[in-house]
Amino acid sequence: MPYKKPKIEKILYSIGEVADMFDVNVSHIRYWENQFEALKPVKNKKGNRQFTKKDIETIRFIYHLVKERGLTIDGARKKIKENPEDTLNNFEVVKRLQDIKQELLAIKQGLGENEN
């Protein structure tokens, strides 16, 4: 039986990697860090920000509110403070629906290839 190399998952991500994930400038991430209390990445001895998966989920949530829903920073902050559970639940539902949409599109594309 061949040896299967275990999949190694990253624990910490640099600010550049995180910015690339969301297709935004590094300055956006730094700005959001200053504006949202929930976003507090760990800093190493050099002062470089290191983001955990929880930080990335927080950024995904902020990105959704600011970039996808078009809220201002103040509006997003208020939305998170006023009703954090409902806002988070709505975000999770939207995320699940987007995942389902991608799966359905992949199935549709696969069916289209089989017909040819």
N, C-alpha and C. Protein backbone atom coordinates (compact mmCIF):
# COMPACT_ATOMS: atom_id res chain seq x y z
N MET A 1 0.85 -1.17 0.00
CA MET A 1 0.00 0.00 0.00
C MET A 1 0.90 1.25 0.00
N PRO A 2 0.66 2.18 -0.92
CA PRO A 2 1.52 3.37 -1.00
C PRO A 2 1.29 4.29 0.20
N TYR A 3 2.35 4.99 0.54
CA TYR A 3 2.29 5.94 1.65
C TYR A 3 1.53 7.17 1.23
N LYS A 4 0.56 7.58 2.03
CA LYS A 4 -0.19 8.80 1.75
C LYS A 4 0.35 9.90 2.64
N LYS A 5 0.81 10.94 1.99
CA LYS A 5 1.32 12.08 2.74
C LYS A 5 0.16 12.80 3.41
N PRO A 6 0.25 13.05 4.71
CA PRO A 6 -0.85 13.76 5.36
C PRO A 6 -0.96 15.20 4.85
N LYS A 7 -2.19 15.64 4.72
CA LYS A 7 -2.42 17.01 4.26
C LYS A 7 -2.12 17.97 5.41
N ILE A 8 -1.25 18.91 5.14
CA ILE A 8 -0.87 19.88 6.16
C ILE A 8 -1.65 21.17 5.92
N GLU A 9 -2.39 21.57 6.92
CA GLU A 9 -3.15 22.82 6.81
C GLU A 9 -2.42 23.93 7.52
N LYS A 10 -2.44 25.09 6.90
CA LYS A 10 -1.82 26.25 7.53
C LYS A 10 -2.62 26.69 8.74
N ILE A 11 -1.90 27.16 9.72
CA ILE A 11 -2.56 27.67 10.92
C ILE A 11 -2.61 29.19 10.88
N LEU A 12 -1.54 29.82 10.41
CA LEU A 12 -1.45 31.27 10.36
C LEU A 12 -1.18 31.74 8.94
N TYR A 13 -1.79 32.85 8.57
CA TYR A 13 -1.65 33.42 7.24
C TYR A 13 -1.13 34.85 7.37
N SER A 14 -0.29 35.26 6.43
CA SER A 14 0.22 36.63 6.43
C SER A 14 -0.86 37.58 5.92
N ILE A 15 -0.65 38.86 6.13
CA ILE A 15 -1.63 39.86 5.67
C ILE A 15 -1.73 39.86 4.14
N GLY A 16 -0.62 39.61 3.47
CA GLY A 16 -0.63 39.54 2.01
C GLY A 16 -1.47 38.38 1.50
N GLU A 17 -1.33 37.22 2.15
CA GLU A 17 -2.13 36.05 1.75
C GLU A 17 -3.61 36.31 1.97
N VAL A 18 -3.94 36.94 3.07
CA VAL A 18 -5.34 37.23 3.39
C VAL A 18 -5.90 38.24 2.38
N ALA A 19 -5.13 39.27 2.07
CA ALA A 19 -5.58 40.27 1.10
C ALA A 19 -5.82 39.62 -0.26
N ASP A 20 -4.96 38.69 -0.65
CA ASP A 20 -5.14 37.97 -1.93
C ASP A 20 -6.41 37.12 -1.92
N MET A 21 -6.75 36.53 -0.77
CA MET A 21 -7.96 35.70 -0.66
C MET A 21 -9.21 36.50 -1.00
N PHE A 22 -9.19 37.78 -0.62
CA PHE A 22 -10.39 38.61 -0.80
C PHE A 22 -10.23 39.62 -1.93
N ASP A 23 -9.10 39.55 -2.62
CA ASP A 23 -8.82 40.45 -3.74
C ASP A 23 -8.97 41.92 -3.33
N VAL A 24 -8.36 42.25 -2.18
CA VAL A 24 -8.33 43.63 -1.70
C VAL A 24 -6.89 44.00 -1.39
N ASN A 25 -6.65 45.28 -1.22
CA ASN A 25 -5.31 45.74 -0.84
C ASN A 25 -5.04 45.42 0.62
N VAL A 26 -3.77 45.29 0.94
CA VAL A 26 -3.35 45.06 2.32
C VAL A 26 -3.85 46.19 3.21
N SER A 27 -3.91 47.39 2.67
CA SER A 27 -4.37 48.54 3.46
C SER A 27 -5.82 48.36 3.91
N HIS A 28 -6.65 47.68 3.10
CA HIS A 28 -8.03 47.40 3.52
C HIS A 28 -8.04 46.56 4.79
N ILE A 29 -7.21 45.54 4.81
CA ILE A 29 -7.18 44.64 5.96
C ILE A 29 -6.71 45.41 7.21
N ARG A 30 -5.67 46.22 7.05
CA ARG A 30 -5.18 47.02 8.18
C ARG A 30 -6.26 47.98 8.68
N TYR A 31 -6.96 48.62 7.73
CA TYR A 31 -8.01 49.57 8.09
C TYR A 31 -9.14 48.85 8.84
N TRP A 32 -9.57 47.70 8.32
CA TRP A 32 -10.63 46.96 8.98
C TRP A 32 -10.21 46.53 10.38
N GLU A 33 -8.93 46.21 10.53
CA GLU A 33 -8.42 45.83 11.86
C GLU A 33 -8.61 46.97 12.86
N ASN A 34 -8.39 48.20 12.39
CA ASN A 34 -8.55 49.37 13.26
C ASN A 34 -10.01 49.71 13.52
N GLN A 35 -10.89 49.36 12.61
CA GLN A 35 -12.29 49.75 12.70
C GLN A 35 -13.18 48.74 13.40
N PHE A 36 -12.78 47.48 13.41
CA PHE A 36 -13.63 46.43 13.99
C PHE A 36 -12.92 45.76 15.14
N GLU A 37 -13.54 45.81 16.31
CA GLU A 37 -12.95 45.22 17.52
C GLU A 37 -12.78 43.71 17.41
N ALA A 38 -13.63 43.07 16.64
CA ALA A 38 -13.59 41.61 16.53
C ALA A 38 -12.35 41.11 15.77
N LEU A 39 -11.73 41.98 15.02
CA LEU A 39 -10.58 41.58 14.20
C LEU A 39 -9.29 41.99 14.89
N LYS A 40 -8.66 41.04 15.55
CA LYS A 40 -7.41 41.29 16.26
C LYS A 40 -6.41 40.18 15.95
N PRO A 41 -5.69 40.27 14.84
CA PRO A 41 -4.73 39.22 14.52
C PRO A 41 -3.54 39.22 15.48
N VAL A 42 -2.91 38.07 15.60
CA VAL A 42 -1.71 37.93 16.42
C VAL A 42 -0.57 38.61 15.69
N LYS A 43 0.33 39.21 16.43
CA LYS A 43 1.53 39.81 15.81
C LYS A 43 2.75 39.06 16.33
N ASN A 44 3.69 38.76 15.42
CA ASN A 44 4.91 38.06 15.83
C ASN A 44 5.91 39.06 16.39
N LYS A 45 7.10 38.59 16.71
CA LYS A 45 8.12 39.46 17.31
C LYS A 45 8.49 40.64 16.42
N LYS A 46 8.40 40.44 15.11
CA LYS A 46 8.70 41.53 14.17
C LYS A 46 7.55 42.51 14.03
N GLY A 47 6.39 42.14 14.53
CA GLY A 47 5.22 43.00 14.40
C GLY A 47 4.36 42.67 13.20
N ASN A 48 4.70 41.58 12.49
CA ASN A 48 3.91 41.16 11.34
C ASN A 48 2.60 40.52 11.81
N ARG A 49 1.53 40.88 11.15
CA ARG A 49 0.23 40.32 11.50
C ARG A 49 0.15 38.87 11.01
N GLN A 50 -0.41 38.01 11.85
CA GLN A 50 -0.62 36.62 11.50
C GLN A 50 -2.08 36.28 11.79
N PHE A 51 -2.79 35.90 10.74
CA PHE A 51 -4.23 35.69 10.83
C PHE A 51 -4.57 34.22 10.98
N THR A 52 -5.46 33.91 11.92
CA THR A 52 -5.95 32.55 12.11
C THR A 52 -7.18 32.35 11.22
N LYS A 53 -7.67 31.12 11.19
CA LYS A 53 -8.89 30.85 10.41
C LYS A 53 -10.08 31.64 10.97
N LYS A 54 -10.11 31.82 12.29
CA LYS A 54 -11.19 32.62 12.90
C LYS A 54 -11.11 34.07 12.42
N ASP A 55 -9.88 34.61 12.33
CA ASP A 55 -9.70 35.97 11.82
C ASP A 55 -10.17 36.06 10.37
N ILE A 56 -9.88 35.04 9.59
CA ILE A 56 -10.27 35.04 8.18
C ILE A 56 -11.79 34.99 8.05
N GLU A 57 -12.45 34.23 8.93
CA GLU A 57 -13.92 34.21 8.91
C GLU A 57 -14.49 35.58 9.29
N THR A 58 -13.85 36.25 10.23
CA THR A 58 -14.27 37.60 10.62
C THR A 58 -14.11 38.55 9.44
N ILE A 59 -13.00 38.44 8.73
CA ILE A 59 -12.76 39.29 7.56
C ILE A 59 -13.78 38.96 6.47
N ARG A 60 -14.10 37.68 6.29
CA ARG A 60 -15.10 37.29 5.29
C ARG A 60 -16.45 37.92 5.62
N PHE A 61 -16.78 37.98 6.91
CA PHE A 61 -18.03 38.59 7.36
C PHE A 61 -18.02 40.09 7.10
N ILE A 62 -16.92 40.75 7.44
CA ILE A 62 -16.78 42.20 7.20
C ILE A 62 -16.84 42.47 5.70
N TYR A 63 -16.14 41.66 4.92
CA TYR A 63 -16.12 41.81 3.46
C TYR A 63 -17.55 41.71 2.91
N HIS A 64 -18.30 40.74 3.41
CA HIS A 64 -19.68 40.56 2.97
C HIS A 64 -20.51 41.81 3.24
N LEU A 65 -20.39 42.34 4.45
CA LEU A 65 -21.18 43.52 4.80
C LEU A 65 -20.77 44.75 4.01
N VAL A 66 -19.46 44.98 3.87
CA VAL A 66 -18.96 46.22 3.26
C VAL A 66 -18.94 46.14 1.74
N LYS A 67 -18.40 45.07 1.21
CA LYS A 67 -18.20 44.98 -0.25
C LYS A 67 -19.39 44.41 -0.98
N GLU A 68 -20.00 43.36 -0.42
CA GLU A 68 -21.10 42.70 -1.14
C GLU A 68 -22.45 43.36 -0.87
N ARG A 69 -22.69 43.76 0.39
CA ARG A 69 -23.97 44.39 0.72
C ARG A 69 -23.92 45.90 0.61
N GLY A 70 -22.72 46.47 0.50
CA GLY A 70 -22.57 47.90 0.28
C GLY A 70 -22.74 48.77 1.51
N LEU A 71 -22.60 48.21 2.70
CA LEU A 71 -22.72 49.02 3.91
C LEU A 71 -21.45 49.85 4.10
N THR A 72 -21.60 50.97 4.76
CA THR A 72 -20.42 51.76 5.14
C THR A 72 -19.77 51.07 6.33
N ILE A 73 -18.57 51.51 6.67
CA ILE A 73 -17.89 50.94 7.85
C ILE A 73 -18.75 51.17 9.09
N ASP A 74 -19.28 52.39 9.25
CA ASP A 74 -20.15 52.68 10.39
C ASP A 74 -21.39 51.80 10.37
N GLY A 75 -21.97 51.63 9.21
CA GLY A 75 -23.16 50.80 9.08
C GLY A 75 -22.87 49.35 9.43
N ALA A 76 -21.74 48.85 8.98
CA ALA A 76 -21.36 47.47 9.29
C ALA A 76 -21.11 47.30 10.79
N ARG A 77 -20.43 48.28 11.38
CA ARG A 77 -20.16 48.24 12.81
C ARG A 77 -21.47 48.21 13.61
N LYS A 78 -22.42 49.08 13.21
CA LYS A 78 -23.72 49.14 13.89
C LYS A 78 -24.47 47.81 13.72
N LYS A 79 -24.44 47.28 12.52
CA LYS A 79 -25.13 46.02 12.23
C LYS A 79 -24.59 44.90 13.12
N ILE A 80 -23.28 44.85 13.27
CA ILE A 80 -22.65 43.82 14.09
C ILE A 80 -22.99 44.03 15.57
N LYS A 81 -22.97 45.28 16.03
CA LYS A 81 -23.24 45.56 17.45
C LYS A 81 -24.72 45.38 17.81
N GLU A 82 -25.63 45.87 16.95
CA GLU A 82 -27.05 45.86 17.27
C GLU A 82 -27.62 44.45 17.33
N ASN A 83 -27.29 43.65 16.34
CA ASN A 83 -27.90 42.33 16.25
C ASN A 83 -26.88 41.33 15.71
N PRO A 84 -25.85 41.02 16.48
CA PRO A 84 -24.77 40.18 15.96
C PRO A 84 -25.20 38.78 15.56
N GLU A 85 -26.12 38.17 16.32
CA GLU A 85 -26.53 36.80 16.02
C GLU A 85 -27.30 36.72 14.70
N ASP A 86 -28.28 37.61 14.51
CA ASP A 86 -29.05 37.60 13.27
C ASP A 86 -28.18 37.93 12.08
N THR A 87 -27.28 38.90 12.24
CA THR A 87 -26.40 39.29 11.15
C THR A 87 -25.50 38.12 10.76
N LEU A 88 -24.96 37.43 11.75
CA LEU A 88 -24.09 36.29 11.49
C LEU A 88 -24.88 35.14 10.87
N ASN A 89 -26.09 34.89 11.36
CA ASN A 89 -26.92 33.82 10.78
C ASN A 89 -27.25 34.12 9.33
N ASN A 90 -27.62 35.36 9.03
CA ASN A 90 -27.92 35.74 7.65
C ASN A 90 -26.70 35.54 6.76
N PHE A 91 -25.53 35.91 7.27
CA PHE A 91 -24.30 35.75 6.51
C PHE A 91 -24.04 34.27 6.22
N GLU A 92 -24.23 33.42 7.23
CA GLU A 92 -24.00 31.99 7.04
C GLU A 92 -24.97 31.39 6.04
N VAL A 93 -26.22 31.84 6.06
CA VAL A 93 -27.21 31.36 5.10
C VAL A 93 -26.80 31.76 3.68
N VAL A 94 -26.40 33.00 3.51
CA VAL A 94 -25.96 33.49 2.19
C VAL A 94 -24.75 32.68 1.72
N LYS A 95 -23.81 32.42 2.62
CA LYS A 95 -22.62 31.64 2.26
C LYS A 95 -23.00 30.23 1.83
N ARG A 96 -23.91 29.59 2.56
CA ARG A 96 -24.35 28.24 2.19
C ARG A 96 -25.06 28.25 0.84
N LEU A 97 -25.90 29.25 0.61
CA LEU A 97 -26.60 29.34 -0.67
C LEU A 97 -25.62 29.54 -1.83
N GLN A 98 -24.58 30.33 -1.61
CA GLN A 98 -23.57 30.52 -2.65
C GLN A 98 -22.84 29.22 -2.94
N ASP A 99 -22.53 28.45 -1.90
CA ASP A 99 -21.88 27.15 -2.10
C ASP A 99 -22.78 26.20 -2.89
N ILE A 100 -24.07 26.19 -2.55
CA ILE A 100 -25.02 25.33 -3.27
C ILE A 100 -25.12 25.76 -4.73
N LYS A 101 -25.13 27.06 -4.97
CA LYS A 101 -25.19 27.58 -6.34
C LYS A 101 -23.99 27.10 -7.14
N GLN A 102 -22.79 27.15 -6.53
CA GLN A 102 -21.59 26.70 -7.23
C GLN A 102 -21.67 25.21 -7.55
N GLU A 103 -22.18 24.42 -6.61
CA GLU A 103 -22.33 22.99 -6.85
C GLU A 103 -23.31 22.72 -7.98
N LEU A 104 -24.43 23.44 -7.97
CA LEU A 104 -25.43 23.25 -9.03
C LEU A 104 -24.87 23.66 -10.40
N LEU A 105 -24.11 24.75 -10.43
CA LEU A 105 -23.51 25.17 -11.69
C LEU A 105 -22.51 24.13 -12.20
N ALA A 106 -21.76 23.53 -11.28
CA ALA A 106 -20.81 22.48 -11.67
C ALA A 106 -21.55 21.27 -12.21
N ILE A 107 -22.66 20.90 -11.58
CA ILE A 107 -23.47 19.78 -12.06
C ILE A 107 -24.03 20.10 -13.44
N LYS A 108 -24.55 21.31 -13.60
CA LYS A 108 -25.10 21.73 -14.89
C LYS A 108 -24.05 21.66 -15.97
N GLN A 109 -22.85 22.14 -15.66
CA GLN A 109 -21.76 22.11 -16.64
C GLN A 109 -21.41 20.65 -16.98
N GLY A 110 -21.39 19.78 -15.98
CA GLY A 110 -21.09 18.38 -16.21
C GLY A 110 -22.15 17.73 -17.07
N LEU A 111 -23.41 18.07 -16.88
CA LEU A 111 -24.49 17.52 -17.71
C LEU A 111 -24.39 18.00 -19.13
N GLY A 112 -23.99 19.27 -19.29
CA GLY A 112 -23.85 19.84 -20.63
C GLY A 112 -22.74 19.16 -21.41
N GLU A 113 -21.67 18.75 -20.74
CA GLU A 113 -20.56 18.06 -21.40
C GLU A 113 -20.96 16.65 -21.80
N ASN A 114 -21.82 16.01 -21.02
CA ASN A 114 -22.25 14.64 -21.32
C ASN A 114 -23.17 14.59 -22.53
N GLU A 115 -23.88 15.67 -22.81
CA GLU A 115 -24.83 15.68 -23.93
C GLU A 115 -24.12 15.74 -25.27
N ASN A 116 -22.92 16.26 -25.32
CA ASN A 116 -22.19 16.42 -26.60
C ASN A 116 -21.68 15.13 -27.11
